[in-house]
C-alpha atoms as a PDB file:
ATOM      1  CA  THR A   1    -149.887 117.907  74.621  1.00  0.00           C
ATOM      2  CA  MET A   2    -148.327 114.654  75.777  1.00  0.00           C
ATOM      3  CA  GLY A   3    -149.665 115.312  79.322  1.00  0.00           C
ATOM      4  CA  TYR A   4    -146.476 116.107  80.982  1.00  0.00           C
ATOM      5  CA  ASP A   5    -145.860 119.212  83.205  1.00  0.00           C
ATOM      6  CA  HIS A   6    -141.981 118.521  83.643  1.00  0.00           C
ATOM      7  CA  LEU A   7    -139.295 117.861  81.377  1.00  0.00           C
ATOM      8  CA  PRO A   8    -135.590 117.196  81.698  1.00  0.00           C
ATOM      9  CA  VAL A   9    -133.297 119.507  80.019  1.00  0.00           C
ATOM     10  CA  VAL A  10    -129.594 119.997  80.573  1.00  0.00           C
ATOM     11  CA  LYS A  11    -127.894 123.286  79.768  1.00  0.00           C
ATOM     12  CA  LYS A  12    -125.975 124.175  76.546  1.00  0.00           C
ATOM     13  CA  LEU A  13    -122.318 123.935  77.388  1.00  0.00           C
ATOM     14  CA  LYS A  14    -119.513 126.732  76.359  1.00  0.00           C
ATOM     15  CA  ILE A  15    -117.134 124.823  74.949  1.00  0.00           C
ATOM     16  CA  GLY A  16    -114.020 127.183  74.306  1.00  0.00           C
ATOM     17  CA  ILE A  17    -111.641 126.630  71.095  1.00  0.00           C
ATOM     18  CA  ILE A  18    -108.067 127.864  71.167  1.00  0.00           C
ATOM     19  CA  SER A  19    -105.539 127.055  68.051  1.00  0.00           C
ATOM     20  CA  THR A  20    -102.183 127.493  68.869  1.00  0.00           C
ATOM     21  CA  GLY A  21     -98.940 128.283  66.838  1.00  0.00           C
ATOM     22  CA  ASP A  22     -96.586 130.814  65.205  1.00  0.00           C
ATOM     23  CA  GLU A  23     -97.531 129.452  61.830  1.00  0.00           C
ATOM     24  CA  LEU A  24    -101.308 129.751  61.849  1.00  0.00           C
ATOM     25  CA  LYS A  25    -102.888 133.021  60.030  1.00  0.00           C
ATOM     26  CA  SER A  26    -106.727 133.884  59.815  1.00  0.00           C
ATOM     27  CA  PRO A  27    -108.185 132.936  56.249  1.00  0.00           C
ATOM     28  CA  GLY A  28    -107.667 135.722  53.580  1.00  0.00           C
ATOM     29  CA  GLU A  29    -104.493 137.324  55.076  1.00  0.00           C
ATOM     30  CA  PRO A  30    -101.468 136.398  52.876  1.00  0.00           C
ATOM     31  CA  LEU A  31     -98.848 133.940  53.666  1.00  0.00           C
ATOM     32  CA  SER A  32     -95.501 133.554  54.014  1.00  0.00           C
ATOM     33  CA  PHE A  33     -92.934 131.137  53.787  1.00  0.00           C
ATOM     34  CA  GLY A  34     -94.069 128.078  56.523  1.00  0.00           C
ATOM     35  CA  GLU A  35     -97.562 129.603  57.503  1.00  0.00           C
ATOM     36  CA  ILE A  36    -100.798 128.032  57.076  1.00  0.00           C
ATOM     37  CA  TYR A  37    -104.616 128.907  57.174  1.00  0.00           C
ATOM     38  CA  GLU A  38    -106.079 128.360  60.936  1.00  0.00           C
ATOM     39  CA  SER A  39    -108.918 126.176  59.768  1.00  0.00           C
ATOM     40  CA  ASN A  40    -109.297 123.912  63.175  1.00  0.00           C
ATOM     41  CA  SER A  41    -111.138 126.199  65.366  1.00  0.00           C
ATOM     42  CA  TYR A  42    -114.055 126.832  62.536  1.00  0.00           C
ATOM     43  CA  GLY A  43    -114.214 122.715  61.998  1.00  0.00           C
ATOM     44  CA  LEU A  44    -114.270 121.895  65.593  1.00  0.00           C
ATOM     45  CA  SER A  45    -116.806 124.871  66.310  1.00  0.00           C
ATOM     46  CA  GLY A  46    -119.055 122.761  63.935  1.00  0.00           C
ATOM     47  CA  LEU A  47    -118.802 119.729  65.485  1.00  0.00           C
ATOM     48  CA  VAL A  48    -119.404 121.403  68.810  1.00  0.00           C
ATOM     49  CA  GLU A  49    -122.416 123.021  67.442  1.00  0.00           C
ATOM     50  CA  ALA A  50    -123.886 119.808  65.836  1.00  0.00           C
ATOM     51  CA  LEU A  51    -123.705 118.380  69.449  1.00  0.00           C
ATOM     52  CA  GLY A  52    -125.964 121.201  70.555  1.00  0.00           C
ATOM     53  CA  HIS A  53    -123.309 123.067  72.752  1.00  0.00           C
ATOM     54  CA  THR A  54    -121.920 126.447  72.132  1.00  0.00           C
ATOM     55  CA  PRO A  55    -118.533 127.030  70.869  1.00  0.00           C
ATOM     56  CA  ILE A  56    -116.517 130.055  71.844  1.00  0.00           C
ATOM     57  CA  ARG A  57    -113.550 130.716  69.373  1.00  0.00           C
ATOM     58  CA  TYR A  58    -110.608 132.656  70.732  1.00  0.00           C
ATOM     59  CA  PRO A  59    -107.825 134.095  68.680  1.00  0.00           C
ATOM     60  CA  ALA A  60    -105.189 131.841  67.741  1.00  0.00           C
ATOM     61  CA  VAL A  61    -102.187 131.876  70.043  1.00  0.00           C
ATOM     62  CA  ILE A  62     -98.432 131.849  69.345  1.00  0.00           C
ATOM     63  CA  ASP A  63     -95.850 129.655  70.966  1.00  0.00           C
ATOM     64  CA  SER A  64     -95.419 130.870  74.092  1.00  0.00           C
ATOM     65  CA  LEU A  65     -95.919 129.786  77.530  1.00  0.00           C
ATOM     66  CA  SER A  66     -96.999 133.181  79.294  1.00  0.00           C
ATOM     67  CA  GLU A  67     -99.430 133.774  76.101  1.00  0.00           C
ATOM     68  CA  LEU A  68    -100.853 130.304  76.444  1.00  0.00           C
ATOM     69  CA  ARG A  69    -101.254 130.494  80.338  1.00  0.00           C
ATOM     70  CA  ALA A  70    -103.155 133.581  79.861  1.00  0.00           C
ATOM     71  CA  GLN A  71    -105.737 131.978  77.043  1.00  0.00           C
ATOM     72  CA  PHE A  72    -105.918 129.284  79.365  1.00  0.00           C
ATOM     73  CA  ASN A  73    -106.674 130.808  82.440  1.00  0.00           C
ATOM     74  CA  GLU A  74    -109.750 133.419  80.424  1.00  0.00           C
ATOM     75  CA  ALA A  75    -111.171 130.126  78.872  1.00  0.00           C
ATOM     76  CA  ALA A  76    -111.468 127.969  82.343  1.00  0.00           C
ATOM     77  CA  THR A  77    -113.074 130.978  83.511  1.00  0.00           C
ATOM     78  CA  GLU A  78    -115.422 131.659  80.714  1.00  0.00           C
ATOM     79  CA  CYS A  79    -116.276 128.266  79.528  1.00  0.00           C
ATOM     80  CA  ASP A  80    -117.317 124.873  80.982  1.00  0.00           C
ATOM     81  CA  LEU A  81    -114.379 122.962  78.932  1.00  0.00           C
ATOM     82  CA  PHE A  82    -112.127 123.841  76.161  1.00  0.00           C
ATOM     83  CA  LEU A  83    -110.181 122.603  73.508  1.00  0.00           C
ATOM     84  CA  THR A  84    -106.815 123.242  71.816  1.00  0.00           C
ATOM     85  CA  SER A  85    -105.405 122.597  68.728  1.00  0.00           C
ATOM     86  CA  GLY A  86    -101.567 121.839  68.213  1.00  0.00           C
ATOM     87  CA  GLY A  87     -98.477 121.991  70.532  1.00  0.00           C
ATOM     88  CA  VAL A  88     -99.475 118.224  71.878  1.00  0.00           C
ATOM     89  CA  SER A  89     -96.617 116.244  70.069  1.00  0.00           C
ATOM     90  CA  MET A  90     -93.162 115.898  71.387  1.00  0.00           C
ATOM     91  CA  GLY A  91     -91.542 119.120  69.814  1.00  0.00           C
ATOM     92  CA  GLU A  92     -89.534 121.895  71.077  1.00  0.00           C
ATOM     93  CA  TYR A  93     -92.409 124.255  70.559  1.00  0.00           C
ATOM     94  CA  ASP A  94     -95.260 121.842  71.890  1.00  0.00           C
ATOM     95  CA  PHE A  95     -96.471 124.310  74.807  1.00  0.00           C
ATOM     96  CA  VAL A  96     -99.718 122.966  75.284  1.00  0.00           C
ATOM     97  CA  ARG A  97     -98.117 119.497  76.666  1.00  0.00           C
ATOM     98  CA  LYS A  98     -95.329 121.208  78.347  1.00  0.00           C
ATOM     99  CA  ILE A  99     -97.897 123.649  80.490  1.00  0.00           C
ATOM    100  CA  MET A 100    -100.007 121.118  81.266  1.00  0.00           C
ATOM    101  CA  GLU A 101     -96.895 118.803  82.554  1.00  0.00           C
ATOM    102  CA  GLU A 102     -95.692 121.239  84.392  1.00  0.00           C
ATOM    103  CA  GLU A 103     -98.854 123.482  85.861  1.00  0.00           C
ATOM    104  CA  GLY A 104    -101.806 121.243  84.824  1.00  0.00           C
ATOM    105  CA  ASP A 105    -103.376 118.219  85.921  1.00  0.00           C
ATOM    106  CA  LEU A 106    -102.625 116.044  83.516  1.00  0.00           C
ATOM    107  CA  HIS A 107    -104.560 112.787  83.314  1.00  0.00           C
ATOM    108  CA  PHE A 108    -102.909 111.024  79.951  1.00  0.00           C
ATOM    109  CA  TRP A 109    -101.213 112.149  76.428  1.00  0.00           C
ATOM    110  CA  ARG A 110    -100.885 109.986  73.214  1.00  0.00           C
ATOM    111  CA  MET A 111    -102.748 107.135  72.596  1.00  0.00           C
ATOM    112  CA  LYS A 112    -101.914 104.213  69.889  1.00  0.00           C
ATOM    113  CA  ILE A 113    -104.465 105.444  67.313  1.00  0.00           C
ATOM    114  CA  ARG A 114    -104.249 106.980  63.494  1.00  0.00           C
ATOM    115  CA  PRO A 115    -104.924 109.349  63.017  1.00  0.00           C
ATOM    116  CA  GLY A 116    -104.330 111.551  65.779  1.00  0.00           C
ATOM    117  CA  SER A 117    -101.628 109.675  67.909  1.00  0.00           C
ATOM    118  CA  PRO A 118    -101.068 112.263  70.671  1.00  0.00           C
ATOM    119  CA  PRO A 119    -104.397 113.771  72.322  1.00  0.00           C
ATOM    120  CA  LEU A 120    -104.186 114.971  75.625  1.00  0.00           C
ATOM    121  CA  PHE A 121    -106.581 115.310  78.528  1.00  0.00           C
ATOM    122  CA  GLY A 122    -106.778 116.804  81.701  1.00  0.00           C
ATOM    123  CA  LEU A 123    -107.697 119.884  84.009  1.00  0.00           C
ATOM    124  CA  TRP A 124    -106.580 123.423  83.830  1.00  0.00           C
ATOM    125  CA  ASN A 125    -107.855 124.967  87.100  1.00  0.00           C
ATOM    126  CA  ALA A 126    -110.530 122.622  87.483  1.00  0.00           C
ATOM    127  CA  THR A 127    -111.686 123.302  83.853  1.00  0.00           C
ATOM    128  CA  PRO A 128    -111.652 119.837  81.893  1.00  0.00           C
ATOM    129  CA  LEU A 129    -109.199 120.561  78.626  1.00  0.00           C
ATOM    130  CA  PHE A 130    -108.771 118.327  75.459  1.00  0.00           C
ATOM    131  CA  GLY A 131    -105.682 119.165  73.716  1.00  0.00           C
ATOM    132  CA  LEU A 132    -106.090 117.638  69.652  1.00  0.00           C
ATOM    133  CA  PRO A 133    -103.558 117.430  67.261  1.00  0.00           C
ATOM    134  CA  GLY A 134    -102.941 120.531  65.106  1.00  0.00           C
ATOM    135  CA  ASN A 135    -103.249 118.511  61.664  1.00  0.00           C
ATOM    136  CA  PRO A 136    -107.377 118.988  60.716  1.00  0.00           C
ATOM    137  CA  ILE A 137    -108.075 115.505  60.043  1.00  0.00           C
ATOM    138  CA  SER A 138    -106.162 114.385  63.260  1.00  0.00           C
ATOM    139  CA  SER A 139    -108.545 116.787  65.225  1.00  0.00           C
ATOM    140  CA  ALA A 140    -111.740 115.836  63.694  1.00  0.00           C
ATOM    141  CA  ALA A 141    -111.023 112.300  64.352  1.00  0.00           C
ATOM    142  CA  CYS A 142    -109.905 112.777  68.073  1.00  0.00           C
ATOM    143  CA  CYS A 143    -112.694 115.332  68.837  1.00  0.00           C
ATOM    144  CA  ARG A 144    -115.192 112.660  67.522  1.00  0.00           C
ATOM    145  CA  PHE A 145    -113.785 109.586  69.196  1.00  0.00           C
ATOM    146  CA  PHE A 146    -112.796 111.282  72.732  1.00  0.00           C
ATOM    147  CA  VAL A 147    -114.673 114.639  73.121  1.00  0.00           C
ATOM    148  CA  TYR A 148    -117.902 113.375  71.972  1.00  0.00           C
ATOM    149  CA  PRO A 149    -118.420 110.302  74.265  1.00  0.00           C
ATOM    150  CA  TYR A 150    -116.832 112.417  77.100  1.00  0.00           C
ATOM    151  CA  LEU A 151    -120.015 115.158  76.492  1.00  0.00           C
ATOM    152  CA  LEU A 152    -122.395 112.071  75.907  1.00  0.00           C
ATOM    153  CA  LYS A 153    -121.067 110.647  79.534  1.00  0.00           C
ATOM    154  CA  LEU A 154    -121.548 114.442  81.030  1.00  0.00           C
ATOM    155  CA  LEU A 155    -125.427 113.907  79.978  1.00  0.00           C
ATOM    156  CA  GLY A 156    -125.868 111.062  80.949  1.00  0.00           C
ATOM    157  CA  ILE A 157    -126.462 109.275  77.639  1.00  0.00           C
ATOM    158  CA  LYS A 158    -125.899 105.752  77.338  1.00  0.00           C
ATOM    159  CA  SER A 159    -122.842 104.973  74.906  1.00  0.00           C
ATOM    160  CA  GLU A 160    -123.381 104.767  71.657  1.00  0.00           C
ATOM    161  CA  LYS A 161    -123.883 101.934  69.395  1.00  0.00           C
ATOM    162  CA  PRO A 162    -122.047 101.444  66.253  1.00  0.00           C
ATOM    163  CA  VAL A 163    -123.599 101.569  62.787  1.00  0.00           C
ATOM    164  CA  LYS A 164    -122.903  97.758  61.314  1.00  0.00           C
ATOM    165  CA  ALA A 165    -121.715  97.730  57.796  1.00  0.00           C
ATOM    166  CA  ILE A 166    -120.545  95.392  55.206  1.00  0.00           C
ATOM    167  CA  LEU A 167    -116.840  96.176  54.114  1.00  0.00           C
ATOM    168  CA  LYS A 168    -116.757  96.504  50.439  1.00  0.00           C
ATOM    169  CA  ASN A 169    -112.916  96.339  50.519  1.00  0.00           C
ATOM    170  CA  ASP A 170    -109.546  94.878  52.106  1.00  0.00           C
ATOM    171  CA  PHE A 171    -107.787  97.188  54.295  1.00  0.00           C
ATOM    172  CA  ILE A 172    -104.417  96.335  55.893  1.00  0.00           C
ATOM    173  CA  LYS A 173    -103.149  98.502  59.009  1.00  0.00           C
ATOM    174  CA  LYS A 174    -100.899  98.176  61.736  1.00  0.00           C
ATOM    175  CA  LYS A 175    -101.995  95.481  64.146  1.00  0.00           C
ATOM    176  CA  ASN A 176    -100.959  97.442  67.785  1.00  0.00           C
ATOM    177  CA  PHE A 177    -103.088 100.666  66.689  1.00  0.00           C
ATOM    178  CA  THR A 178    -106.750 101.804  66.194  1.00  0.00           C
ATOM    179  CA  ARG A 179    -107.322 102.697  63.204  1.00  0.00           C
ATOM    180  CA  PHE A 180    -110.535 105.653  62.496  1.00  0.00           C
ATOM    181  CA  ALA A 181    -110.386 105.220  58.682  1.00  0.00           C
ATOM    182  CA  LYS A 182    -111.986 107.566  56.381  1.00  0.00           C
ATOM    183  CA  SER A 183    -115.066 105.481  54.571  1.00  0.00           C
ATOM    184  CA  LYS A 184    -117.852 106.036  52.530  1.00  0.00           C
ATOM    185  CA  LEU A 185    -121.143 104.435  53.602  1.00  0.00           C
ATOM    186  CA  SER A 186    -124.162 103.440  51.005  1.00  0.00           C
ATOM    187  CA  THR A 187    -126.818 101.129  50.675  1.00  0.00           C
ATOM    188  CA  THR A 188    -127.545  98.390  48.043  1.00  0.00           C
ATOM    189  CA  LYS A 189    -130.895  98.013  46.150  1.00  0.00           C
ATOM    190  CA  ASN A 190    -131.826  95.390  48.366  1.00  0.00           C
ATOM    191  CA  GLY A 191    -131.262  97.856  51.774  1.00  0.00           C
ATOM    192  CA  LYS A 192    -127.823  95.879  52.942  1.00  0.00           C
ATOM    193  CA  ILE A 193    -125.355  98.691  54.642  1.00  0.00           C
ATOM    194  CA  GLU A 194    -122.206  98.683  53.182  1.00  0.00           C
ATOM    195  CA  VAL A 195    -118.811 100.812  53.707  1.00  0.00           C
ATOM    196  CA  GLU A 196    -116.021 101.550  51.424  1.00  0.00           C
ATOM    197  CA  ILE A 197    -112.790 102.588  53.426  1.00  0.00           C
ATOM    198  CA  LEU A 198    -111.259 105.392  50.894  1.00  0.00           C
ATOM    199  CA  LYS A 199    -107.822 105.460  49.386  1.00  0.00           C
ATOM    200  CA  GLY A 200    -105.778 108.683  50.883  1.00  0.00           C
ATOM    201  CA  GLN A 201    -105.720 107.565  54.482  1.00  0.00           C
ATOM    202  CA  GLU A 202    -102.751 109.463  55.112  1.00  0.00           C
ATOM    203  CA  SER A 203    -103.798 112.740  57.951  1.00  0.00           C
ATOM    204  CA  PHE A 204    -102.730 114.884  54.984  1.00  0.00           C
ATOM    205  CA  ARG A 205    -104.894 113.788  52.375  1.00  0.00           C
ATOM    206  CA  ILE A 206    -108.060 115.918  52.557  1.00  0.00           C
ATOM    207  CA  LYS A 207    -109.760 114.767  49.768  1.00  0.00           C
ATOM    208  CA  SER A 208    -110.403 111.321  51.179  1.00  0.00           C
ATOM    209  CA  PHE A 209    -111.747 113.282  54.114  1.00  0.00           C
ATOM    210  CA  VAL A 210    -114.285 115.682  52.389  1.00  0.00           C
ATOM    211  CA  LYS A 211    -115.608 112.611  49.989  1.00  0.00           C
ATOM    212  CA  SER A 212    -116.039 110.520  53.492  1.00  0.00           C
ATOM    213  CA  ASN A 213    -119.280 110.470  55.459  1.00  0.00           C
ATOM    214  CA  ILE A 214    -118.378 108.340  58.231  1.00  0.00           C
ATOM    215  CA  TRP A 215    -115.679 106.836  60.181  1.00  0.00           C
ATOM    216  CA  THR A 216    -114.681 103.152  60.046  1.00  0.00           C
ATOM    217  CA  LEU A 217    -113.153 102.099  63.616  1.00  0.00           C
ATOM    218  CA  LEU A 218    -110.846  99.401  62.734  1.00  0.00           C
ATOM    219  CA  PRO A 219    -109.567  98.125  66.809  1.00  0.00           C
ATOM    220  CA  ALA A 220    -106.115  97.141  67.446  1.00  0.00           C
ATOM    221  CA  GLY A 221    -105.179  93.850  67.736  1.00  0.00           C
ATOM    222  CA  LYS A 222    -105.952  92.915  64.191  1.00  0.00           C
ATOM    223  CA  SER A 223    -104.358  93.933  61.186  1.00  0.00           C
ATOM    224  CA  LYS A 224    -106.337  92.583  58.037  1.00  0.00           C
ATOM    225  CA  PHE A 225    -109.439  93.440  57.107  1.00  0.00           C
ATOM    226  CA  LYS A 226    -111.807  91.322  54.758  1.00  0.00           C
ATOM    227  CA  LYS A 227    -114.111  92.668  51.951  1.00  0.00           C
ATOM    228  CA  GLY A 228    -117.543  91.218  53.114  1.00  0.00           C
ATOM    229  CA  GLN A 229    -117.026  91.294  56.875  1.00  0.00           C
ATOM    230  CA  ILE A 230    -118.848  93.262  59.171  1.00  0.00           C
ATOM    231  CA  VAL A 231    -116.926  96.582  60.613  1.00  0.00           C
ATOM    232  CA  ASP A 232    -118.250  99.240  63.078  1.00  0.00           C
ATOM    233  CA  CYS A 233    -119.044 102.646  61.736  1.00  0.00           C
ATOM    234  CA  PHE A 234    -119.462 106.316  63.488  1.00  0.00           C
ATOM    235  CA  PHE A 235    -120.838 109.185  61.667  1.00  0.00           C
ATOM    236  CA  PRO A 236    -118.548 112.078  61.731  1.00  0.00           C
ATOM    237  CA  ASN A 237    -120.732 114.868  62.872  1.00  0.00           C
ATOM    238  CA  HIS A 238    -123.394 113.368  65.106  1.00  0.00           C
ATOM    239  CA  ILE A 239    -123.878 111.023  67.312  1.00  0.00           C
ATOM    240  CA  ASN A 240    -125.312 107.685  66.171  1.00  0.00           C
ATOM    241  CA  GLN A 241    -128.372 107.362  68.146  1.00  0.00           C
ATOM    242  CA  SER A 242    -129.850 110.171  66.062  1.00  0.00           C
ATOM    243  CA  LEU A 243    -130.826 108.004  63.499  1.00  0.00           C
ATOM    244  CA  ILE A 244    -130.774 104.541  64.861  1.00  0.00           C
END
């Protein structure tokens, strides 16, 4: 109806999702001591779908190099890129990091960020791989601030512009770390956009994550943020350009 005979389109990417760890159990299974429910693949699938791509969830992989290698090979064959959760820190059983160091093409590992300090990126059999932390909050943050920009770059979309908001409360963080703060965006009666950095910023705090509706990005190089100053914010499950 607009008179165009051709429209540029892009094919949906197939994005694999692999959770790792001996302690993981499917939701509904009885738990033994030290075991937890595997939730990251469900959350990451939702974030992938929110960008319009196709998530492919694979069964959780135990802490085994051979099992991980086989699953990586399958995902690299079937997907355009894939995400892992867990196994990227410095422990003896962090096999995602180990296998990428020894057999993959590792581009970077660890960043000065909170939450989610040990994200990883590289190629496995020429297929891009993002290794995300096992903690659900850290995994969500790293997906939003590393995977999302990567996907936008692949599609030729310009870098996101942050939502500018007035900070409603003081906040202090470590100076040399970039902080992704769980926050609540709101508007005043006269149309001002405000954001409150919620209590409970530790990565294990789920309640503050559930209450949040936006991430506040607090850059490295500064530790004190004062009420009333302007800060940059990013919606958690879609790019900012979808609204502004």
